[in-house]
Protein backbone atom coordinates (compact mmCIF):
# COMPACT_ATOMS: atom_id res chain seq x y z
CA UNK A 1 22.75 -31.63 46.49
CA UNK A 2 19.34 -30.58 44.88
CA UNK A 3 16.23 -30.89 47.11
CA UNK A 4 12.69 -31.77 45.65
CA UNK A 5 9.63 -30.42 46.87
CA UNK A 6 9.01 -34.05 48.46
CA UNK A 7 12.22 -33.63 50.28
CA UNK A 8 10.64 -30.08 51.99
CA UNK A 9 7.32 -31.66 52.90
CA UNK A 10 9.15 -34.48 54.52
CA UNK A 11 11.40 -32.21 56.60
CA UNK A 12 8.66 -29.79 57.19
CA UNK A 13 6.07 -32.53 58.30
CA UNK A 14 8.50 -33.93 60.53
CA UNK A 15 9.51 -30.73 62.29
CA UNK A 16 6.56 -29.82 64.30
CA UNK A 17 6.99 -26.17 65.40
CA UNK A 18 4.79 -26.91 68.65
CA UNK A 19 7.74 -29.19 69.33
CA UNK A 20 10.68 -26.86 69.35
CA UNK A 21 11.98 -25.64 72.68
CA UNK A 22 11.70 -21.95 73.81
CA UNK A 23 14.98 -20.24 72.57
CA UNK A 24 15.90 -22.66 69.98
CA UNK A 25 15.69 -22.06 66.48
CA UNK A 26 15.40 -23.88 63.04
CA UNK A 27 16.77 -22.48 59.86
CA UNK A 28 16.00 -23.45 56.17
CA UNK A 29 19.00 -21.86 54.10
CA UNK A 30 20.45 -22.24 50.63
CA UNK A 31 23.26 -24.66 50.42
CA UNK A 32 26.51 -23.06 51.43
CA UNK A 33 25.26 -20.27 53.76
CA UNK A 34 25.33 -20.80 57.52
CA UNK A 35 22.46 -18.83 59.60
CA UNK A 36 25.02 -16.58 61.52
CA UNK A 37 25.74 -12.78 60.89
CA UNK A 38 29.79 -13.52 60.42
CA UNK A 39 29.42 -16.00 57.45
CA UNK A 40 31.13 -14.55 54.70
CA UNK A 41 28.16 -14.40 52.30
CA UNK A 42 26.05 -12.95 55.33
CA UNK A 43 28.30 -10.22 56.69
CA UNK A 44 26.90 -7.60 54.38
CA UNK A 45 23.26 -8.48 54.82
CA UNK A 46 20.74 -8.15 56.97
CA UNK A 47 17.15 -9.65 57.97
CA UNK A 48 13.44 -8.83 58.65
CA UNK A 49 12.27 -10.19 61.85
CA UNK A 50 8.59 -10.75 62.21
CA UNK A 51 6.98 -11.38 65.78
CA UNK A 52 3.82 -13.41 65.56
CA UNK A 53 1.57 -15.25 67.93
CA UNK A 54 2.24 -18.72 68.75
CA UNK A 55 -1.04 -19.74 67.58
CA UNK A 56 -0.22 -18.38 64.08
CA UNK A 57 3.39 -19.07 64.10
CA UNK A 58 3.28 -22.67 62.45
CA UNK A 59 1.07 -21.23 59.45
CA UNK A 60 3.24 -18.04 59.03
CA UNK A 61 6.56 -20.11 59.17
CA UNK A 62 5.19 -22.40 56.47
CA UNK A 63 4.23 -19.82 54.19
CA UNK A 64 7.37 -17.88 54.73
CA UNK A 65 9.41 -20.85 53.68
CA UNK A 66 7.08 -21.37 50.72
CA UNK A 67 7.99 -17.98 49.49
CA UNK A 68 11.78 -18.74 49.81
CA UNK A 69 11.96 -22.12 48.23
CA UNK A 70 9.18 -20.94 45.41
CA UNK A 71 11.78 -17.94 44.46
CA UNK A 72 8.86 -15.41 45.52
CA UNK A 73 11.39 -13.52 47.51
CA UNK A 74 14.02 -13.71 45.32
CA UNK A 75 12.27 -12.60 42.56
CA UNK A 76 11.64 -9.11 44.46
CA UNK A 77 14.92 -8.46 45.01
CA UNK A 78 17.29 -5.71 43.67
CA UNK A 79 20.05 -7.20 41.02
CA UNK A 80 23.06 -8.65 43.08
CA UNK A 81 21.31 -9.15 45.93
CA UNK A 82 20.11 -12.88 47.06
CA UNK A 83 17.99 -14.41 49.75
CA UNK A 84 20.40 -16.41 52.07
CA UNK A 85 17.35 -18.33 53.94
CA UNK A 86 14.56 -18.05 56.56
CA UNK A 87 14.52 -18.71 60.49
CA UNK A 88 12.15 -19.51 63.00
CA UNK A 89 12.75 -18.88 66.85
CA UNK A 90 10.52 -19.74 69.52
CA UNK A 91 9.92 -17.17 72.57
CA UNK A 92 7.72 -17.23 75.55
CA UNK A 93 4.76 -15.91 73.76
CA UNK A 94 5.54 -15.55 70.38
CA UNK A 95 7.55 -16.89 67.04
CA UNK A 96 10.21 -15.00 65.60
CA UNK A 97 10.40 -15.36 61.64
CA UNK A 98 13.30 -14.14 59.81
CA UNK A 99 14.16 -13.58 56.39
CA UNK A 100 17.74 -13.04 55.58
CA UNK A 101 18.96 -11.50 52.35
CA UNK A 102 22.99 -10.79 51.47
CA UNK A 103 22.84 -6.85 50.78
CA UNK A 104 21.83 -4.80 53.37
CA UNK A 105 22.69 -1.70 51.61
CA UNK A 106 20.11 -2.32 48.73
CA UNK A 107 16.74 -0.46 50.07
CA UNK A 108 14.97 -1.47 47.20
CA UNK A 109 15.63 -5.06 48.21
CA UNK A 110 14.57 -4.20 52.01
CA UNK A 111 11.37 -2.77 51.21
CA UNK A 112 10.42 -5.48 48.62
CA UNK A 113 10.83 -8.34 50.96
CA UNK A 114 8.35 -6.38 53.48
CA UNK A 115 5.94 -5.96 50.70
CA UNK A 116 6.08 -9.23 49.42
CA UNK A 117 5.45 -10.79 52.62
CA UNK A 118 2.66 -8.45 53.72
CA UNK A 119 1.12 -8.78 50.08
CA UNK A 120 1.19 -12.59 50.18
CA UNK A 121 0.06 -13.62 54.08
CA UNK A 122 -3.80 -13.75 54.31
CA UNK A 123 -4.91 -10.58 56.53
CA UNK A 124 -5.51 -12.81 59.37
CA UNK A 125 -1.56 -13.82 59.49
CA UNK A 126 -0.22 -10.43 58.78
CA UNK A 127 2.02 -9.43 61.83
CA UNK A 128 1.26 -5.75 63.34
CA UNK A 129 2.95 -2.94 61.95
CA UNK A 130 4.70 -2.58 65.53
CA UNK A 131 5.74 -6.19 65.38
CA UNK A 132 8.22 -6.13 62.63
CA UNK A 133 11.73 -4.74 62.05
CA UNK A 134 14.96 -4.96 59.51
CA UNK A 135 18.19 -4.92 61.26
CA UNK A 136 21.50 -5.04 58.97
CA UNK A 137 23.57 -7.82 60.77
CA UNK A 138 26.57 -5.58 61.15
CA UNK A 139 24.28 -3.26 63.40
CA UNK A 140 23.71 -5.91 65.78
CA UNK A 141 25.50 -5.44 69.14
CA UNK A 142 27.17 -8.76 69.50
CA UNK A 143 28.16 -8.48 66.01
CA UNK A 144 32.01 -9.44 65.71
CA UNK A 145 33.86 -9.62 62.29
CA UNK A 146 36.12 -12.42 62.02
CA UNK A 147 39.89 -10.51 61.16
CA UNK A 148 40.16 -11.45 57.45
CA UNK A 149 36.68 -9.92 56.86
CA UNK A 150 36.93 -6.90 59.08
CA UNK A 151 39.68 -5.56 56.23
CA UNK A 152 36.60 -5.95 53.45
CA UNK A 153 34.20 -4.50 55.64
CA UNK A 154 36.56 -1.40 56.38
CA UNK A 155 37.52 -0.97 52.99
CA UNK A 156 33.59 -0.94 51.97
CA UNK A 157 32.69 1.53 54.44
CA UNK A 158 35.72 3.80 53.10
CA UNK A 159 34.77 3.67 49.65
CA UNK A 160 30.77 4.28 50.68
CA UNK A 161 32.19 7.29 52.68
CA UNK A 162 34.31 8.42 49.66
CA UNK A 163 31.44 8.16 47.45
CA UNK A 164 29.10 9.97 49.69
CA UNK A 165 31.64 12.84 49.79
CA UNK A 166 32.37 13.00 46.25
CA UNK A 167 28.50 13.07 45.56
CA UNK A 168 27.79 15.85 47.93
CA UNK A 169 30.41 18.25 46.74
CA UNK A 170 29.50 17.70 42.90
CA UNK A 171 28.27 20.72 41.16
CA UNK A 172 24.52 20.60 40.44
């Protein structure tokens, strides 16, 4: 089902960030994507996470959502990569705002997402450099791929290692 801009604002205006309980999260994901690492569409992806003070969290969250639904984030990605969605998690004295994308092997996409966010946020809303990080979903300690997808992951790793070995042994 296609959603309109009015639908977004209705949702956004009726979901006050300051009423979300500590350790709870909300997500705005594309239809068909689930905000879990093990989702077939997310399994090879990763996410930027930005820790922002609670007093600016709602403003940063709204702006990041608009970057996502306005396709600004999508426009900076490498070919064959895709924004999955964005999330907000409430912590004791901060909010964690995350931007998920599908392909954690595309360094150009990883760099471009960060650059886009930092360029688009006004200076007073930008997180400090030590308050954001990128992590591939498969690198999380709690990551456990479903058995049917583990076969795919293993074959991708083997192909990447083979390509790396071939490139390393190729004549100059």
